[in-house]
C-alpha atoms as a PDB file:
ATOM      1  CA  UNK A   1       0.000   0.000   0.000  1.00  0.00           C
ATOM      2  CA  UNK A   2       2.939   2.336   0.525  1.00  0.00           C
ATOM      3  CA  UNK A   3       4.364   1.658  -2.911  1.00  0.00           C
ATOM      4  CA  UNK A   4       3.074   2.422  -6.363  1.00  0.00           C
ATOM      5  CA  UNK A   5       0.863   5.433  -6.922  1.00  0.00           C
ATOM      6  CA  UNK A   6       0.453   6.245  -3.222  1.00  0.00           C
ATOM      7  CA  UNK A   7       4.126   6.075  -2.247  1.00  0.00           C
ATOM      8  CA  UNK A   8       4.259   9.877  -1.800  1.00  0.00           C
ATOM      9  CA  UNK A   9       1.216  10.028   0.471  1.00  0.00           C
ATOM     10  CA  UNK A  10       2.552  10.953   3.923  1.00  0.00           C
ATOM     11  CA  UNK A  11      -0.742  10.245   5.672  1.00  0.00           C
ATOM     12  CA  UNK A  12      -0.688   6.656   4.453  1.00  0.00           C
ATOM     13  CA  UNK A  13       2.849   6.178   5.740  1.00  0.00           C
ATOM     14  CA  UNK A  14       1.933   7.714   9.114  1.00  0.00           C
ATOM     15  CA  UNK A  15      -1.098   5.428   9.405  1.00  0.00           C
ATOM     16  CA  UNK A  16       1.074   2.421   8.570  1.00  0.00           C
ATOM     17  CA  UNK A  17       3.609   3.460  11.218  1.00  0.00           C
ATOM     18  CA  UNK A  18       0.790   3.798  13.773  1.00  0.00           C
ATOM     19  CA  UNK A  19      -0.434   0.336  12.819  1.00  0.00           C
ATOM     20  CA  UNK A  20       3.049  -1.117  13.307  1.00  0.00           C
ATOM     21  CA  UNK A  21       3.324   0.707  16.639  1.00  0.00           C
ATOM     22  CA  UNK A  22       0.044  -0.833  17.796  1.00  0.00           C
ATOM     23  CA  UNK A  23       1.563  -4.234  17.016  1.00  0.00           C
ATOM     24  CA  UNK A  24       4.614  -3.322  19.146  1.00  0.00           C
ATOM     25  CA  UNK A  25       6.981  -3.406  16.170  1.00  0.00           C
ATOM     26  CA  UNK A  26       9.156  -0.390  16.937  1.00  0.00           C
ATOM     27  CA  UNK A  27      11.937  -1.370  14.550  1.00  0.00           C
ATOM     28  CA  UNK A  28       9.508  -1.324  11.625  1.00  0.00           C
ATOM     29  CA  UNK A  29       8.304   2.122  12.698  1.00  0.00           C
ATOM     30  CA  UNK A  30      11.858   3.430  12.824  1.00  0.00           C
ATOM     31  CA  UNK A  31      12.451   2.048   9.341  1.00  0.00           C
ATOM     32  CA  UNK A  32       9.276   3.710   8.010  1.00  0.00           C
ATOM     33  CA  UNK A  33      10.233   7.109   9.440  1.00  0.00           C
ATOM     34  CA  UNK A  34      13.894   6.971   8.395  1.00  0.00           C
ATOM     35  CA  UNK A  35      12.915   5.951   4.859  1.00  0.00           C
ATOM     36  CA  UNK A  36      10.436   8.830   4.715  1.00  0.00           C
ATOM     37  CA  UNK A  37      13.015  11.335   5.950  1.00  0.00           C
ATOM     38  CA  UNK A  38      15.370  10.208   3.197  1.00  0.00           C
ATOM     39  CA  UNK A  39      12.816  10.397   0.393  1.00  0.00           C
ATOM     40  CA  UNK A  40      10.666  13.506   0.953  1.00  0.00           C
ATOM     41  CA  UNK A  41      11.721  16.968  -0.158  1.00  0.00           C
ATOM     42  CA  UNK A  42      10.661  18.657   3.100  1.00  0.00           C
ATOM     43  CA  UNK A  43      11.020  16.259   6.063  1.00  0.00           C
ATOM     44  CA  UNK A  44       9.667  18.680   8.671  1.00  0.00           C
ATOM     45  CA  UNK A  45       6.341  16.931   9.260  1.00  0.00           C
ATOM     46  CA  UNK A  46       8.014  13.522   9.158  1.00  0.00           C
ATOM     47  CA  UNK A  47      10.448  14.543  11.901  1.00  0.00           C
ATOM     48  CA  UNK A  48       7.605  15.895  14.048  1.00  0.00           C
ATOM     49  CA  UNK A  49       5.655  12.643  13.744  1.00  0.00           C
ATOM     50  CA  UNK A  50       8.863  10.686  14.340  1.00  0.00           C
ATOM     51  CA  UNK A  51       9.502  12.651  17.556  1.00  0.00           C
ATOM     52  CA  UNK A  52       5.968  11.912  18.753  1.00  0.00           C
ATOM     53  CA  UNK A  53       6.403   8.207  18.042  1.00  0.00           C
ATOM     54  CA  UNK A  54       9.798   8.086  19.758  1.00  0.00           C
ATOM     55  CA  UNK A  55       8.403   9.797  22.855  1.00  0.00           C
ATOM     56  CA  UNK A  56       5.449   7.404  23.060  1.00  0.00           C
ATOM     57  CA  UNK A  57       7.409   4.234  22.359  1.00  0.00           C
ATOM     58  CA  UNK A  58      10.806   4.871  23.946  1.00  0.00           C
ATOM     59  CA  UNK A  59      10.568   7.989  26.084  1.00  0.00           C
ATOM     60  CA  UNK A  60      11.801  11.558  26.037  1.00  0.00           C
ATOM     61  CA  UNK A  61      15.527  10.775  25.458  1.00  0.00           C
ATOM     62  CA  UNK A  62      14.668   8.986  22.199  1.00  0.00           C
ATOM     63  CA  UNK A  63      12.542  11.930  21.084  1.00  0.00           C
ATOM     64  CA  UNK A  64      15.432  14.277  21.865  1.00  0.00           C
ATOM     65  CA  UNK A  65      17.698  12.131  19.684  1.00  0.00           C
ATOM     66  CA  UNK A  66      15.232  12.471  16.806  1.00  0.00           C
ATOM     67  CA  UNK A  67      15.109  16.235  17.404  1.00  0.00           C
ATOM     68  CA  UNK A  68      18.902  16.330  17.206  1.00  0.00           C
ATOM     69  CA  UNK A  69      18.772  14.571  13.828  1.00  0.00           C
ATOM     70  CA  UNK A  70      16.118  17.024  12.644  1.00  0.00           C
ATOM     71  CA  UNK A  71      18.176  19.978  13.818  1.00  0.00           C
ATOM     72  CA  UNK A  72      21.190  18.714  11.872  1.00  0.00           C
ATOM     73  CA  UNK A  73      19.173  18.258   8.678  1.00  0.00           C
ATOM     74  CA  UNK A  74      19.373  21.356   6.476  1.00  0.00           C
ATOM     75  CA  UNK A  75      16.017  20.673   4.812  1.00  0.00           C
ATOM     76  CA  UNK A  76      13.886  21.054   7.939  1.00  0.00           C
ATOM     77  CA  UNK A  77      12.043  24.233   8.807  1.00  0.00           C
ATOM     78  CA  UNK A  78      11.305  26.028  12.060  1.00  0.00           C
ATOM     79  CA  UNK A  79       8.245  23.905  12.851  1.00  0.00           C
ATOM     80  CA  UNK A  80      10.544  21.190  14.217  1.00  0.00           C
ATOM     81  CA  UNK A  81      11.923  23.639  16.780  1.00  0.00           C
ATOM     82  CA  UNK A  82       8.456  24.609  17.915  1.00  0.00           C
ATOM     83  CA  UNK A  83       7.350  20.970  18.209  1.00  0.00           C
ATOM     84  CA  UNK A  84      10.524  20.119  20.121  1.00  0.00           C
ATOM     85  CA  UNK A  85      10.099  23.067  22.453  1.00  0.00           C
ATOM     86  CA  UNK A  86       6.473  22.217  23.166  1.00  0.00           C
ATOM     87  CA  UNK A  87       7.374  18.577  23.766  1.00  0.00           C
ATOM     88  CA  UNK A  88      10.041  19.658  26.244  1.00  0.00           C
ATOM     89  CA  UNK A  89       7.641  21.979  27.995  1.00  0.00           C
ATOM     90  CA  UNK A  90       4.818  19.476  28.346  1.00  0.00           C
ATOM     91  CA  UNK A  91       7.047  16.561  29.362  1.00  0.00           C
ATOM     92  CA  UNK A  92       9.447  18.294  31.745  1.00  0.00           C
ATOM     93  CA  UNK A  93       7.588  21.514  32.691  1.00  0.00           C
ATOM     94  CA  UNK A  94      10.879  23.419  32.690  1.00  0.00           C
ATOM     95  CA  UNK A  95      10.550  26.801  31.015  1.00  0.00           C
ATOM     96  CA  UNK A  96      14.276  27.318  30.475  1.00  0.00           C
ATOM     97  CA  UNK A  97      14.376  24.266  28.181  1.00  0.00           C
ATOM     98  CA  UNK A  98      11.604  25.790  26.077  1.00  0.00           C
ATOM     99  CA  UNK A  99      13.530  29.027  25.725  1.00  0.00           C
ATOM    100  CA  UNK A 100      16.815  27.215  24.986  1.00  0.00           C
ATOM    101  CA  UNK A 101      15.267  24.955  22.360  1.00  0.00           C
ATOM    102  CA  UNK A 102      13.833  27.951  20.528  1.00  0.00           C
ATOM    103  CA  UNK A 103      16.912  30.157  20.746  1.00  0.00           C
ATOM    104  CA  UNK A 104      19.297  27.587  19.204  1.00  0.00           C
ATOM    105  CA  UNK A 105      17.878  28.031  15.714  1.00  0.00           C
ATOM    106  CA  UNK A 106      20.470  29.813  13.568  1.00  0.00           C
ATOM    107  CA  UNK A 107      18.177  30.529  10.603  1.00  0.00           C
ATOM    108  CA  UNK A 108      15.040  31.975  12.151  1.00  0.00           C
ATOM    109  CA  UNK A 109      14.107  34.648  14.627  1.00  0.00           C
ATOM    110  CA  UNK A 110      12.168  32.319  16.883  1.00  0.00           C
ATOM    111  CA  UNK A 111      12.231  34.665  19.829  1.00  0.00           C
ATOM    112  CA  UNK A 112       9.051  36.169  18.365  1.00  0.00           C
ATOM    113  CA  UNK A 113       7.540  32.671  18.189  1.00  0.00           C
ATOM    114  CA  UNK A 114       8.501  32.166  21.830  1.00  0.00           C
ATOM    115  CA  UNK A 115       6.706  35.384  22.761  1.00  0.00           C
ATOM    116  CA  UNK A 116       3.606  34.292  20.864  1.00  0.00           C
ATOM    117  CA  UNK A 117       3.639  30.923  22.603  1.00  0.00           C
ATOM    118  CA  UNK A 118       3.957  32.492  26.029  1.00  0.00           C
ATOM    119  CA  UNK A 119       1.146  34.936  25.299  1.00  0.00           C
ATOM    120  CA  UNK A 120      -1.237  32.260  24.014  1.00  0.00           C
ATOM    121  CA  UNK A 121      -1.297  29.298  26.309  1.00  0.00           C
ATOM    122  CA  UNK A 122       2.233  28.368  27.362  1.00  0.00           C
ATOM    123  CA  UNK A 123       2.950  30.192  30.629  1.00  0.00           C
ATOM    124  CA  UNK A 124       6.324  31.713  31.417  1.00  0.00           C
END
């Protein structure tokens, strides 16, 4: 189902990874996400879903490792930083990690994003 005409459909790949996760086949899920990261032009959404899977299946340190890979990939956009910062906030409740995760981005002025997040729902 993930080959042929629908091989570029991200939603189908994400659903297949969720199915494999429900069957407790983490290695297959890792393979699905790493193959997707290698094949799509913009892997931002793939990395975000991969971080969510890693946090659910293996814990926060595994999700941080995926975030590190996403940060090192030149094709990702700022959405990965926001997802990583929100994950850190909601899992550890430490505000300084949220600020640090946003401020490490060399390509974007995410301080404004941080201000928007703190004004609309994420307390300082």
